[in-house]
Amino acid sequence: MIHLDTSFLIRALAPGSAEDRTLREWLLNDEPVGISSIGWAEFLCGPVEMRHVELVRRIVHEPDPFGRREAELAAELFNNSGRRRGSLSDCMVAASAVRAGGSLATANADDFRRLARSGLRILTA
């Protein structure tokens, strides 16, 4: 499973972008693609139009839920990675990808590199 980070998803909406090409390739190769409920909420708060929301709904289907196990891992990631202000949501997104046994596709790889020790596999376009 490839979890999509909001940064990757927003950029994938730009036709011809590296993220657009990469996402299309994954879909053509039947790679399972998803998003955490945290990432979905972030996406919906971003600069998106309803047509983009509908398109992404068809791609990711139902967002993965964020439950107790994900919350505990997110807290562990946050506490073990320097408790950086503003990084809790990144830890939550990363925890969801790790718990799902997947990779995280992001356009902000530097924000997630410190979390790779947890088993997070980072993909970029």
PDB file of N, CA and C in Angstrom:
ATOM      1  N   MET A   1       0.847  -1.182   0.000  1.00  0.00           N
ATOM      2  CA  MET A   1       0.000   0.000   0.000  1.00  0.00           C
ATOM      3  C   MET A   1       0.889   1.240   0.000  1.00  0.00           C
ATOM      4  N   ILE A   2       0.574   2.164  -0.868  1.00  0.00           N
ATOM      5  CA  ILE A   2       1.259   3.451  -0.890  1.00  0.00           C
ATOM      6  C   ILE A   2       0.301   4.479  -0.303  1.00  0.00           C
ATOM      7  N   HIS A   3       0.676   5.027   0.846  1.00  0.00           N
ATOM      8  CA  HIS A   3      -0.111   6.102   1.454  1.00  0.00           C
ATOM      9  C   HIS A   3       0.329   7.422   0.837  1.00  0.00           C
ATOM     10  N   LEU A   4      -0.624   8.253   0.492  1.00  0.00           N
ATOM     11  CA  LEU A   4      -0.319   9.550  -0.099  1.00  0.00           C
ATOM     12  C   LEU A   4      -0.352  10.624   0.975  1.00  0.00           C
ATOM     13  N   ASP A   5       0.730  11.369   1.077  1.00  0.00           N
ATOM     14  CA  ASP A   5       0.771  12.541   1.941  1.00  0.00           C
ATOM     15  C   ASP A   5       0.079  13.685   1.205  1.00  0.00           C
ATOM     16  N   THR A   6      -0.454  14.611   1.960  1.00  0.00           N
ATOM     17  CA  THR A   6      -1.173  15.739   1.368  1.00  0.00           C
ATOM     18  C   THR A   6      -0.311  16.500   0.372  1.00  0.00           C
ATOM     19  N   SER A   7       0.960  16.710   0.700  1.00  0.00           N
ATOM     20  CA  SER A   7       1.840  17.471  -0.197  1.00  0.00           C
ATOM     21  C   SER A   7       1.961  16.784  -1.555  1.00  0.00           C
ATOM     22  N   PHE A   8       2.080  15.470  -1.548  1.00  0.00           N
ATOM     23  CA  PHE A   8       2.180  14.713  -2.793  1.00  0.00           C
ATOM     24  C   PHE A   8       0.876  14.819  -3.573  1.00  0.00           C
ATOM     25  N   LEU A   9      -0.221  14.645  -2.874  1.00  0.00           N
ATOM     26  CA  LEU A   9      -1.538  14.635  -3.507  1.00  0.00           C
ATOM     27  C   LEU A   9      -1.872  15.983  -4.142  1.00  0.00           C
ATOM     28  N   ILE A  10      -1.607  17.065  -3.436  1.00  0.00           N
ATOM     29  CA  ILE A  10      -1.881  18.407  -3.977  1.00  0.00           C
ATOM     30  C   ILE A  10      -1.068  18.625  -5.255  1.00  0.00           C
ATOM     31  N   ARG A  11       0.205  18.240  -5.226  1.00  0.00           N
ATOM     32  CA  ARG A  11       1.045  18.418  -6.416  1.00  0.00           C
ATOM     33  C   ARG A  11       0.629  17.488  -7.543  1.00  0.00           C
ATOM     34  N   ALA A  12       0.110  16.315  -7.203  1.00  0.00           N
ATOM     35  CA  ALA A  12      -0.341  15.375  -8.236  1.00  0.00           C
ATOM     36  C   ALA A  12      -1.541  15.911  -9.004  1.00  0.00           C
ATOM     37  N   LEU A  13      -2.241  16.880  -8.440  1.00  0.00           N
ATOM     38  CA  LEU A  13      -3.386  17.480  -9.132  1.00  0.00           C
ATOM     39  C   LEU A  13      -2.958  18.409 -10.265  1.00  0.00           C
ATOM     40  N   ALA A  14      -1.685  18.772 -10.298  1.00  0.00           N
ATOM     41  CA  ALA A  14      -1.167  19.631 -11.367  1.00  0.00           C
ATOM     42  C   ALA A  14      -0.784  18.742 -12.551  1.00  0.00           C
ATOM     43  N   PRO A  15      -1.531  18.829 -13.654  1.00  0.00           N
ATOM     44  CA  PRO A  15      -1.242  17.976 -14.809  1.00  0.00           C
ATOM     45  C   PRO A  15       0.208  18.115 -15.274  1.00  0.00           C
ATOM     46  N   GLY A  16       0.849  16.980 -15.481  1.00  0.00           N
ATOM     47  CA  GLY A  16       2.219  16.977 -15.977  1.00  0.00           C
ATOM     48  C   GLY A  16       3.284  17.084 -14.903  1.00  0.00           C
ATOM     49  N   SER A  17       2.887  17.283 -13.652  1.00  0.00           N
ATOM     50  CA  SER A  17       3.880  17.369 -12.576  1.00  0.00           C
ATOM     51  C   SER A  17       4.509  15.997 -12.360  1.00  0.00           C
ATOM     52  N   ALA A  18       5.653  15.985 -11.717  1.00  0.00           N
ATOM     53  CA  ALA A  18       6.315  14.709 -11.420  1.00  0.00           C
ATOM     54  C   ALA A  18       5.405  13.817 -10.580  1.00  0.00           C
ATOM     55  N   GLU A  19       4.689  14.422  -9.634  1.00  0.00           N
ATOM     56  CA  GLU A  19       3.778  13.652  -8.787  1.00  0.00           C
ATOM     57  C   GLU A  19       2.606  13.097  -9.595  1.00  0.00           C
ATOM     58  N   ASP A  20       2.095  13.877 -10.537  1.00  0.00           N
ATOM     59  CA  ASP A  20       1.013  13.417 -11.411  1.00  0.00           C
ATOM     60  C   ASP A  20       1.474  12.204 -12.214  1.00  0.00           C
ATOM     61  N   ARG A  21       2.652  12.292 -12.809  1.00  0.00           N
ATOM     62  CA  ARG A  21       3.180  11.185 -13.611  1.00  0.00           C
ATOM     63  C   ARG A  21       3.420   9.943 -12.751  1.00  0.00           C
ATOM     64  N   THR A  22       3.968  10.143 -11.571  1.00  0.00           N
ATOM     65  CA  THR A  22       4.249   9.014 -10.679  1.00  0.00           C
ATOM     66  C   THR A  22       2.964   8.343 -10.223  1.00  0.00           C
ATOM     67  N   LEU A  23       1.977   9.134  -9.824  1.00  0.00           N
ATOM     68  CA  LEU A  23       0.702   8.570  -9.376  1.00  0.00           C
ATOM     69  C   LEU A  23       0.027   7.804 -10.508  1.00  0.00           C
ATOM     70  N   ARG A  24       0.043   8.364 -11.712  1.00  0.00           N
ATOM     71  CA  ARG A  24      -0.550   7.670 -12.860  1.00  0.00           C
ATOM     72  C   ARG A  24       0.142   6.325 -13.113  1.00  0.00           C
ATOM     73  N   GLU A  25       1.458   6.315 -12.974  1.00  0.00           N
ATOM     74  CA  GLU A  25       2.213   5.073 -13.170  1.00  0.00           C
ATOM     75  C   GLU A  25       1.806   4.029 -12.128  1.00  0.00           C
ATOM     76  N   TRP A  26       1.708   4.439 -10.874  1.00  0.00           N
ATOM     77  CA  TRP A  26       1.280   3.501  -9.830  1.00  0.00           C
ATOM     78  C   TRP A  26      -0.106   2.945 -10.136  1.00  0.00           C
ATOM     79  N   LEU A  27      -1.011   3.824 -10.537  1.00  0.00           N
ATOM     80  CA  LEU A  27      -2.377   3.379 -10.819  1.00  0.00           C
ATOM     81  C   LEU A  27      -2.412   2.431 -12.017  1.00  0.00           C
ATOM     82  N   LEU A  28      -1.636   2.739 -13.055  1.00  0.00           N
ATOM     83  CA  LEU A  28      -1.573   1.858 -14.224  1.00  0.00           C
ATOM     84  C   LEU A  28      -0.991   0.491 -13.874  1.00  0.00           C
ATOM     85  N   ASN A  29      -0.099   0.462 -12.888  1.00  0.00           N
ATOM     86  CA  ASN A  29       0.520  -0.794 -12.449  1.00  0.00           C
ATOM     87  C   ASN A  29      -0.261  -1.465 -11.322  1.00  0.00           C
ATOM     88  N   ASP A  30      -1.480  -0.975 -11.087  1.00  0.00           N
ATOM     89  CA  ASP A  30      -2.356  -1.541 -10.049  1.00  0.00           C
ATOM     90  C   ASP A  30      -1.736  -1.552  -8.658  1.00  0.00           C
ATOM     91  N   GLU A  31      -0.889  -0.571  -8.383  1.00  0.00           N
ATOM     92  CA  GLU A  31      -0.353  -0.417  -7.027  1.00  0.00           C
ATOM     93  C   GLU A  31      -1.494   0.046  -6.127  1.00  0.00           C
ATOM     94  N   PRO A  32      -1.670  -0.567  -4.969  1.00  0.00           N
ATOM     95  CA  PRO A  32      -2.703  -0.080  -4.053  1.00  0.00           C
ATOM     96  C   PRO A  32      -2.289   1.275  -3.478  1.00  0.00           C
ATOM     97  N   VAL A  33      -3.179   2.241  -3.606  1.00  0.00           N
ATOM     98  CA  VAL A  33      -2.922   3.613  -3.163  1.00  0.00           C
ATOM     99  C   VAL A  33      -4.005   4.003  -2.174  1.00  0.00           C
ATOM    100  N   GLY A  34      -3.591   4.634  -1.085  1.00  0.00           N
ATOM    101  CA  GLY A  34      -4.559   5.055  -0.080  1.00  0.00           C
ATOM    102  C   GLY A  34      -4.115   6.316   0.628  1.00  0.00           C
ATOM    103  N   ILE A  35      -4.871   6.660   1.642  1.00  0.00           N
ATOM    104  CA  ILE A  35      -4.575   7.855   2.431  1.00  0.00           C
ATOM    105  C   ILE A  35      -5.104   7.619   3.842  1.00  0.00           C
ATOM    106  N   SER A  36      -4.425   8.187   4.803  1.00  0.00           N
ATOM    107  CA  SER A  36      -4.906   8.092   6.181  1.00  0.00           C
ATOM    108  C   SER A  36      -6.039   9.094   6.383  1.00  0.00           C
ATOM    109  N   SER A  37      -6.825   8.879   7.405  1.00  0.00           N
ATOM    110  CA  SER A  37      -7.892   9.841   7.701  1.00  0.00           C
ATOM    111  C   SER A  37      -7.302  11.198   8.069  1.00  0.00           C
ATOM    112  N   ILE A  38      -6.098  11.214   8.637  1.00  0.00           N
ATOM    113  CA  ILE A  38      -5.422  12.478   8.957  1.00  0.00           C
ATOM    114  C   ILE A  38      -5.047  13.193   7.659  1.00  0.00           C
ATOM    115  N   GLY A  39      -4.436  12.461   6.738  1.00  0.00           N
ATOM    116  CA  GLY A  39      -4.071  13.042   5.443  1.00  0.00           C
ATOM    117  C   GLY A  39      -5.287  13.522   4.668  1.00  0.00           C
ATOM    118  N   TRP A  40      -6.382  12.769   4.762  1.00  0.00           N
ATOM    119  CA  TRP A  40      -7.615  13.157   4.075  1.00  0.00           C
ATOM    120  C   TRP A  40      -8.138  14.483   4.622  1.00  0.00           C
ATOM    121  N   ALA A  41      -8.125  14.634   5.937  1.00  0.00           N
ATOM    122  CA  ALA A  41      -8.577  15.891   6.547  1.00  0.00           C
ATOM    123  C   ALA A  41      -7.681  17.046   6.111  1.00  0.00           C
ATOM    124  N   GLU A  42      -6.371  16.820   6.089  1.00  0.00           N
ATOM    125  CA  GLU A  42      -5.449  17.867   5.637  1.00  0.00           C
ATOM    126  C   GLU A  42      -5.746  18.245   4.188  1.00  0.00           C
ATOM    127  N   PHE A  43      -5.956  17.238   3.348  1.00  0.00           N
ATOM    128  CA  PHE A  43      -6.250  17.491   1.936  1.00  0.00           C
ATOM    129  C   PHE A  43      -7.505  18.349   1.786  1.00  0.00           C
ATOM    130  N   LEU A  44      -8.547  18.001   2.523  1.00  0.00           N
ATOM    131  CA  LEU A  44      -9.810  18.746   2.423  1.00  0.00           C
ATOM    132  C   LEU A  44      -9.679  20.185   2.909  1.00  0.00           C
ATOM    133  N   CYS A  45      -8.685  20.457   3.749  1.00  0.00           N
ATOM    134  CA  CYS A  45      -8.448  21.820   4.240  1.00  0.00           C
ATOM    135  C   CYS A  45      -7.555  22.616   3.289  1.00  0.00           C
ATOM    136  N   GLY A  46      -7.042  21.968   2.268  1.00  0.00           N
ATOM    137  CA  GLY A  46      -6.106  22.618   1.358  1.00  0.00           C
ATOM    138  C   GLY A  46      -6.798  23.369   0.238  1.00  0.00           C
ATOM    139  N   PRO A  47      -5.993  23.883  -0.671  1.00  0.00           N
ATOM    140  CA  PRO A  47      -6.526  24.657  -1.795  1.00  0.00           C
ATOM    141  C   PRO A  47      -7.062  23.737  -2.892  1.00  0.00           C
ATOM    142  N   VAL A  48      -8.196  23.087  -2.625  1.00  0.00           N
ATOM    143  CA  VAL A  48      -8.755  22.144  -3.590  1.00  0.00           C
ATOM    144  C   VAL A  48     -10.177  22.530  -3.967  1.00  0.00           C
ATOM    145  N   GLU A  49     -10.533  22.160  -5.175  1.00  0.00           N
ATOM    146  CA  GLU A  49     -11.893  22.384  -5.664  1.00  0.00           C
ATOM    147  C   GLU A  49     -12.677  21.079  -5.523  1.00  0.00           C
ATOM    148  N   MET A  50     -13.987  21.168  -5.556  1.00  0.00           N
ATOM    149  CA  MET A  50     -14.826  19.983  -5.395  1.00  0.00           C
ATOM    150  C   MET A  50     -14.509  18.925  -6.450  1.00  0.00           C
ATOM    151  N   ARG A  51     -14.179  19.321  -7.659  1.00  0.00           N
ATOM    152  CA  ARG A  51     -13.844  18.339  -8.694  1.00  0.00           C
ATOM    153  C   ARG A  51     -12.588  17.559  -8.315  1.00  0.00           C
ATOM    154  N   HIS A  52     -11.654  18.223  -7.623  1.00  0.00           N
ATOM    155  CA  HIS A  52     -10.456  17.525  -7.151  1.00  0.00           C
ATOM    156  C   HIS A  52     -10.806  16.536  -6.047  1.00  0.00           C
ATOM    157  N   VAL A  53     -11.697  16.954  -5.157  1.00  0.00           N
ATOM    158  CA  VAL A  53     -12.123  16.078  -4.065  1.00  0.00           C
ATOM    159  C   VAL A  53     -12.769  14.820  -4.639  1.00  0.00           C
ATOM    160  N   GLU A  54     -13.647  14.985  -5.611  1.00  0.00           N
ATOM    161  CA  GLU A  54     -14.319  13.833  -6.225  1.00  0.00           C
ATOM    162  C   GLU A  54     -13.320  12.914  -6.925  1.00  0.00           C
ATOM    163  N   LEU A  55     -12.359  13.497  -7.618  1.00  0.00           N
ATOM    164  CA  LEU A  55     -11.332  12.700  -8.299  1.00  0.00           C
ATOM    165  C   LEU A  55     -10.530  11.878  -7.290  1.00  0.00           C
ATOM    166  N   VAL A  56     -10.089  12.522  -6.232  1.00  0.00           N
ATOM    167  CA  VAL A  56      -9.275  11.825  -5.238  1.00  0.00           C
ATOM    168  C   VAL A  56     -10.094  10.754  -4.521  1.00  0.00           C
ATOM    169  N   ARG A  57     -11.365  11.007  -4.298  1.00  0.00           N
ATOM    170  CA  ARG A  57     -12.228   9.979  -3.685  1.00  0.00           C
ATOM    171  C   ARG A  57     -12.245   8.708  -4.528  1.00  0.00           C
ATOM    172  N   ARG A  58     -12.242   8.864  -5.849  1.00  0.00           N
ATOM    173  CA  ARG A  58     -12.245   7.693  -6.727  1.00  0.00           C
ATOM    174  C   ARG A  58     -10.910   6.953  -6.684  1.00  0.00           C
ATOM    175  N   ILE A  59      -9.848   7.672  -6.380  1.00  0.00           N
ATOM    176  CA  ILE A  59      -8.515   7.056  -6.352  1.00  0.00           C
ATOM    177  C   ILE A  59      -8.250   6.350  -5.025  1.00  0.00           C
ATOM    178  N   VAL A  60      -8.545   7.021  -3.918  1.00  0.00           N
ATOM    179  CA  VAL A  60      -8.161   6.472  -2.606  1.00  0.00           C
ATOM    180  C   VAL A  60      -9.293   5.746  -1.893  1.00  0.00           C
ATOM    181  N   HIS A  61     -10.497   5.857  -2.400  1.00  0.00           N
ATOM    182  CA  HIS A  61     -11.663   5.202  -1.796  1.00  0.00           C
ATOM    183  C   HIS A  61     -11.844   5.660  -0.349  1.00  0.00           C
ATOM    184  N   GLU A  62     -11.836   4.736   0.589  1.00  0.00           N
ATOM    185  CA  GLU A  62     -12.086   5.063   2.000  1.00  0.00           C
ATOM    186  C   GLU A  62     -10.756   5.299   2.728  1.00  0.00           C
ATOM    187  N   PRO A  63     -10.580   6.458   3.364  1.00  0.00           N
ATOM    188  CA  PRO A  63      -9.335   6.697   4.115  1.00  0.00           C
ATOM    189  C   PRO A  63      -9.157   5.669   5.238  1.00  0.00           C
ATOM    190  N   ASP A  64      -7.900   5.321   5.503  1.00  0.00           N
ATOM    191  CA  ASP A  64      -7.605   4.408   6.607  1.00  0.00           C
ATOM    192  C   ASP A  64      -7.909   5.107   7.925  1.00  0.00           C
ATOM    193  N   PRO A  65      -8.573   4.419   8.840  1.00  0.00           N
ATOM    194  CA  PRO A  65      -8.912   5.044  10.124  1.00  0.00           C
ATOM    195  C   PRO A  65      -7.668   5.275  10.983  1.00  0.00           C
ATOM    196  N   PHE A  66      -7.793   6.214  11.888  1.00  0.00           N
ATOM    197  CA  PHE A  66      -6.726   6.526  12.837  1.00  0.00           C
ATOM    198  C   PHE A  66      -7.241   6.151  14.218  1.00  0.00           C
ATOM    199  N   GLY A  67      -6.718   5.056  14.741  1.00  0.00           N
ATOM    200  CA  GLY A  67      -7.194   4.545  16.027  1.00  0.00           C
ATOM    201  C   GLY A  67      -6.123   4.579  17.101  1.00  0.00           C
ATOM    202  N   ARG A  68      -6.363   3.814  18.138  1.00  0.00           N
ATOM    203  CA  ARG A  68      -5.473   3.804  19.306  1.00  0.00           C
ATOM    204  C   ARG A  68      -4.046   3.396  18.942  1.00  0.00           C
ATOM    205  N   ARG A  69      -3.889   2.335  18.158  1.00  0.00           N
ATOM    206  CA  ARG A  69      -2.533   1.876  17.794  1.00  0.00           C
ATOM    207  C   ARG A  69      -1.773   2.935  17.004  1.00  0.00           C
ATOM    208  N   GLU A  70      -2.463   3.579  16.080  1.00  0.00           N
ATOM    209  CA  GLU A  70      -1.827   4.643  15.294  1.00  0.00           C
ATOM    210  C   GLU A  70      -1.483   5.831  16.190  1.00  0.00           C
ATOM    211  N   ALA A  71      -2.386   6.157  17.113  1.00  0.00           N
ATOM    212  CA  ALA A  71      -2.149   7.281  18.029  1.00  0.00           C
ATOM    213  C   ALA A  71      -0.939   7.015  18.922  1.00  0.00           C
ATOM    214  N   GLU A  72      -0.825   5.792  19.412  1.00  0.00           N
ATOM    215  CA  GLU A  72       0.309   5.449  20.268  1.00  0.00           C
ATOM    216  C   GLU A  72       1.623   5.519  19.503  1.00  0.00           C
ATOM    217  N   LEU A  73       1.627   5.027  18.264  1.00  0.00           N
ATOM    218  CA  LEU A  73       2.841   5.106  17.458  1.00  0.00           C
ATOM    219  C   LEU A  73       3.150   6.556  17.113  1.00  0.00           C
ATOM    220  N   ALA A  74       2.148   7.351  16.784  1.00  0.00           N
ATOM    221  CA  ALA A  74       2.373   8.767  16.470  1.00  0.00           C
ATOM    222  C   ALA A  74       3.003   9.484  17.656  1.00  0.00           C
ATOM    223  N   ALA A  75       2.515   9.215  18.858  1.00  0.00           N
ATOM    224  CA  ALA A  75       3.084   9.838  20.058  1.00  0.00           C
ATOM    225  C   ALA A  75       4.531   9.399  20.262  1.00  0.00           C
ATOM    226  N   GLU A  76       4.792   8.119  20.029  1.00  0.00           N
ATOM    227  CA  GLU A  76       6.165   7.615  20.148  1.00  0.00           C
ATOM    228  C   GLU A  76       7.081   8.300  19.138  1.00  0.00           C
ATOM    229  N   LEU A  77       6.622   8.420  17.894  1.00  0.00           N
ATOM    230  CA  LEU A  77       7.416   9.094  16.864  1.00  0.00           C
ATOM    231  C   LEU A  77       7.678  10.545  17.243  1.00  0.00           C
ATOM    232  N   PHE A  78       6.648  11.218  17.706  1.00  0.00           N
ATOM    233  CA  PHE A  78       6.772  12.626  18.102  1.00  0.00           C
ATOM    234  C   PHE A  78       7.777  12.770  19.242  1.00  0.00           C
ATOM    235  N   ASN A  79       7.639  11.943  20.261  1.00  0.00           N
ATOM    236  CA  ASN A  79       8.516  12.041  21.435  1.00  0.00           C
ATOM    237  C   ASN A  79       9.953  11.647  21.125  1.00  0.00           C
ATOM    238  N   ASN A  80      10.140  10.701  20.208  1.00  0.00           N
ATOM    239  CA  ASN A  80      11.489  10.228  19.878  1.00  0.00           C
ATOM    240  C   ASN A  80      12.171  11.021  18.772  1.00  0.00           C
ATOM    241  N   SER A  81      11.471  11.955  18.168  1.00  0.00           N
ATOM    242  CA  SER A  81      12.066  12.701  17.044  1.00  0.00           C
ATOM    243  C   SER A  81      12.249  14.177  17.372  1.00  0.00           C
ATOM    244  N   GLY A  82      12.299  14.500  18.640  1.00  0.00           N
ATOM    245  CA  GLY A  82      12.619  15.871  19.019  1.00  0.00           C
ATOM    246  C   GLY A  82      11.440  16.746  19.382  1.00  0.00           C
ATOM    247  N   ARG A  83      10.228  16.202  19.381  1.00  0.00           N
ATOM    248  CA  ARG A  83       9.034  16.960  19.778  1.00  0.00           C
ATOM    249  C   ARG A  83       8.964  18.321  19.065  1.00  0.00           C
ATOM    250  N   ARG A  84       9.229  18.290  17.767  1.00  0.00           N
ATOM    251  CA  ARG A  84       9.250  19.531  16.985  1.00  0.00           C
ATOM    252  C   ARG A  84       7.857  20.118  16.861  1.00  0.00           C
ATOM    253  N   ARG A  85       7.769  21.388  17.136  1.00  0.00           N
ATOM    254  CA  ARG A  85       6.499  22.106  17.023  1.00  0.00           C
ATOM    255  C   ARG A  85       5.951  21.968  15.604  1.00  0.00           C
ATOM    256  N   GLY A  86       4.684  21.663  15.508  1.00  0.00           N
ATOM    257  CA  GLY A  86       4.044  21.544  14.206  1.00  0.00           C
ATOM    258  C   GLY A  86       4.253  20.204  13.519  1.00  0.00           C
ATOM    259  N   SER A  87       4.946  19.265  14.181  1.00  0.00           N
ATOM    260  CA  SER A  87       5.240  17.995  13.512  1.00  0.00           C
ATOM    261  C   SER A  87       4.311  16.853  13.919  1.00  0.00           C
ATOM    262  N   LEU A  88       3.382  17.103  14.826  1.00  0.00           N
ATOM    263  CA  LEU A  88       2.519  16.014  15.281  1.00  0.00           C
ATOM    264  C   LEU A  88       1.704  15.429  14.130  1.00  0.00           C
ATOM    265  N   SER A  89       1.166  16.269  13.258  1.00  0.00           N
ATOM    266  CA  SER A  89       0.363  15.722  12.154  1.00  0.00           C
ATOM    267  C   SER A  89       1.224  14.875  11.214  1.00  0.00           C
ATOM    268  N   ASP A  90       2.494  15.260  11.001  1.00  0.00           N
ATOM    269  CA  ASP A  90       3.394  14.425  10.198  1.00  0.00           C
ATOM    270  C   ASP A  90       3.597  13.071  10.874  1.00  0.00           C
ATOM    271  N   CYS A  91       3.747  13.082  12.194  1.00  0.00           N
ATOM    272  CA  CYS A  91       3.914  11.828  12.942  1.00  0.00           C
ATOM    273  C   CYS A  91       2.658  10.969  12.832  1.00  0.00           C
ATOM    274  N   MET A  92       1.501  11.592  12.812  1.00  0.00           N
ATOM    275  CA  MET A  92       0.241  10.857  12.688  1.00  0.00           C
ATOM    276  C   MET A  92       0.119  10.218  11.305  1.00  0.00           C
ATOM    277  N   VAL A  93       0.465  10.970  10.282  1.00  0.00           N
ATOM    278  CA  VAL A  93       0.427  10.446   8.911  1.00  0.00           C
ATOM    279  C   VAL A  93       1.432   9.299   8.765  1.00  0.00           C
ATOM    280  N   ALA A  94       2.632   9.492   9.299  1.00  0.00           N
ATOM    281  CA  ALA A  94       3.661   8.452   9.230  1.00  0.00           C
ATOM    282  C   ALA A  94       3.220   7.197   9.975  1.00  0.00           C
ATOM    283  N   ALA A  95       2.641   7.366  11.150  1.00  0.00           N
ATOM    284  CA  ALA A  95       2.184   6.221  11.941  1.00  0.00           C
ATOM    285  C   ALA A  95       1.130   5.420  11.187  1.00  0.00           C
ATOM    286  N   SER A  96       0.250   6.098  10.503  1.00  0.00           N
ATOM    287  CA  SER A  96      -0.783   5.405   9.723  1.00  0.00           C
ATOM    288  C   SER A  96      -0.161   4.558   8.624  1.00  0.00           C
ATOM    289  N   ALA A  97       0.824   5.117   7.930  1.00  0.00           N
ATOM    290  CA  ALA A  97       1.489   4.372   6.856  1.00  0.00           C
ATOM    291  C   ALA A  97       2.237   3.165   7.418  1.00  0.00           C
ATOM    292  N   VAL A  98       2.946   3.353   8.519  1.00  0.00           N
ATOM    293  CA  VAL A  98       3.709   2.253   9.123  1.00  0.00           C
ATOM    294  C   VAL A  98       2.770   1.149   9.586  1.00  0.00           C
ATOM    295  N   ARG A  99       1.695   1.501  10.276  1.00  0.00           N
ATOM    296  CA  ARG A  99       0.750   0.497  10.791  1.00  0.00           C
ATOM    297  C   ARG A  99       0.067  -0.262   9.654  1.00  0.00           C
ATOM    298  N   ALA A 100      -0.094   0.392   8.504  1.00  0.00           N
ATOM    299  CA  ALA A 100      -0.711  -0.267   7.350  1.00  0.00           C
ATOM    300  C   ALA A 100       0.304  -1.116   6.584  1.00  0.00           C
ATOM    301  N   GLY A 101       1.575  -1.050   7.003  1.00  0.00           N
ATOM    302  CA  GLY A 101       2.613  -1.812   6.318  1.00  0.00           C
ATOM    303  C   GLY A 101       2.980  -1.228   4.978  1.00  0.00           C
ATOM    304  N   GLY A 102       2.718   0.049   4.806  1.00  0.00           N
ATOM    305  CA  GLY A 102       2.939   0.675   3.516  1.00  0.00           C
ATOM    306  C   GLY A 102       4.060   1.685   3.496  1.00  0.00           C
ATOM    307  N   SER A 103       4.184   2.331   2.364  1.00  0.00           N
ATOM    308  CA  SER A 103       5.133   3.412   2.157  1.00  0.00           C
ATOM    309  C   SER A 103       4.366   4.722   2.176  1.00  0.00           C
ATOM    310  N   LEU A 104       5.099   5.820   2.324  1.00  0.00           N
ATOM    311  CA  LEU A 104       4.484   7.142   2.303  1.00  0.00           C
ATOM    312  C   LEU A 104       5.043   7.932   1.136  1.00  0.00           C
ATOM    313  N   ALA A 105       4.175   8.321   0.210  1.00  0.00           N
ATOM    314  CA  ALA A 105       4.568   9.171  -0.910  1.00  0.00           C
ATOM    315  C   ALA A 105       4.385  10.615  -0.474  1.00  0.00           C
ATOM    316  N   THR A 106       5.460  11.390  -0.544  1.00  0.00           N
ATOM    317  CA  THR A 106       5.412  12.772  -0.083  1.00  0.00           C
ATOM    318  C   THR A 106       6.241  13.672  -0.982  1.00  0.00           C
ATOM    319  N   ALA A 107       5.866  14.926  -1.043  1.00  0.00           N
ATOM    320  CA  ALA A 107       6.667  15.935  -1.732  1.00  0.00           C
ATOM    321  C   ALA A 107       7.563  16.651  -0.728  1.00  0.00           C
ATOM    322  N   ASN A 108       7.413  16.317   0.546  1.00  0.00           N
ATOM    323  CA  ASN A 108       8.201  16.930   1.620  1.00  0.00           C
ATOM    324  C   ASN A 108       9.013  15.862   2.351  1.00  0.00           C
ATOM    325  N   ALA A 109       9.863  15.169   1.630  1.00  0.00           N
ATOM    326  CA  ALA A 109      10.615  14.054   2.219  1.00  0.00           C
ATOM    327  C   ALA A 109      11.443  14.489   3.420  1.00  0.00           C
ATOM    328  N   ASP A 110      11.980  15.696   3.393  1.00  0.00           N
ATOM    329  CA  ASP A 110      12.803  16.158   4.516  1.00  0.00           C
ATOM    330  C   ASP A 110      12.020  16.195   5.822  1.00  0.00           C
ATOM    331  N   ASP A 111      10.714  16.441   5.743  1.00  0.00           N
ATOM    332  CA  ASP A 111       9.887  16.485   6.953  1.00  0.00           C
ATOM    333  C   ASP A 111       9.722  15.106   7.583  1.00  0.00           C
ATOM    334  N   PHE A 112       9.946  14.054   6.808  1.00  0.00           N
ATOM    335  CA  PHE A 112       9.691  12.694   7.284  1.00  0.00           C
ATOM    336  C   PHE A 112      10.950  11.858   7.497  1.00  0.00           C
ATOM    337  N   ARG A 113      12.094  12.313   7.015  1.00  0.00           N
ATOM    338  CA  ARG A 113      13.317  11.499   7.098  1.00  0.00           C
ATOM    339  C   ARG A 113      13.647  11.095   8.533  1.00  0.00           C
ATOM    340  N   ARG A 114      13.429  11.983   9.478  1.00  0.00           N
ATOM    341  CA  ARG A 114      13.758  11.680  10.876  1.00  0.00           C
ATOM    342  C   ARG A 114      12.876  10.562  11.432  1.00  0.00           C
ATOM    343  N   LEU A 115      11.794  10.233  10.726  1.00  0.00           N
ATOM    344  CA  LEU A 115      10.874   9.194  11.182  1.00  0.00           C
ATOM    345  C   LEU A 115      11.165   7.833  10.543  1.00  0.00           C
ATOM    346  N   ALA A 116      12.142   7.787   9.658  1.00  0.00           N
ATOM    347  CA  ALA A 116      12.447   6.548   8.934  1.00  0.00           C
ATOM    348  C   ALA A 116      12.911   5.431   9.871  1.00  0.00           C
ATOM    349  N   ARG A 117      13.473   5.784  11.020  1.00  0.00           N
ATOM    350  CA  ARG A 117      13.921   4.755  11.978  1.00  0.00           C
ATOM    351  C   ARG A 117      12.759   3.898  12.468  1.00  0.00           C
ATOM    352  N   SER A 118      11.543   4.414  12.337  1.00  0.00           N
ATOM    353  CA  SER A 118      10.356   3.683  12.801  1.00  0.00           C
ATOM    354  C   SER A 118       9.916   2.618  11.807  1.00  0.00           C
ATOM    355  N   GLY A 119      10.585   2.559  10.667  1.00  0.00           N
ATOM    356  CA  GLY A 119      10.182   1.628   9.622  1.00  0.00           C
ATOM    357  C   GLY A 119       9.440   2.313   8.493  1.00  0.00           C
ATOM    358  N   LEU A 120       9.304   3.630   8.568  1.00  0.00           N
ATOM    359  CA  LEU A 120       8.630   4.380   7.501  1.00  0.00           C
ATOM    360  C   LEU A 120       9.469   4.336   6.232  1.00  0.00           C
ATOM    361  N   ARG A 121       8.839   3.922   5.150  1.00  0.00           N
ATOM    362  CA  ARG A 121       9.480   3.936   3.831  1.00  0.00           C
ATOM    363  C   ARG A 121       8.949   5.151   3.079  1.00  0.00           C
ATOM    364  N   ILE A 122       9.859   6.003   2.648  1.00  0.00           N
ATOM    365  CA  ILE A 122       9.489   7.268   2.012  1.00  0.00           C
ATOM    366  C   ILE A 122       9.666   7.149   0.505  1.00  0.00           C
ATOM    367  N   LEU A 123       8.633   7.557  -0.226  1.00  0.00           N
ATOM    368  CA  LEU A 123       8.679   7.593  -1.689  1.00  0.00           C
ATOM    369  C   LEU A 123       8.514   9.034  -2.144  1.00  0.00           C
ATOM    370  N   THR A 124       9.195   9.386  -3.217  1.00  0.00           N
ATOM    371  CA  THR A 124       9.036  10.703  -3.830  1.00  0.00           C
ATOM    372  C   THR A 124       8.804  10.510  -5.324  1.00  0.00           C
ATOM    373  N   ALA A 125       8.408  11.580  -5.976  1.00  0.00           N
ATOM    374  CA  ALA A 125       8.136  11.503  -7.418  1.00  0.00           C
ATOM    375  C   ALA A 125       9.427  11.424  -8.200  1.00  0.00           C
TER     376      ALA A 125
END
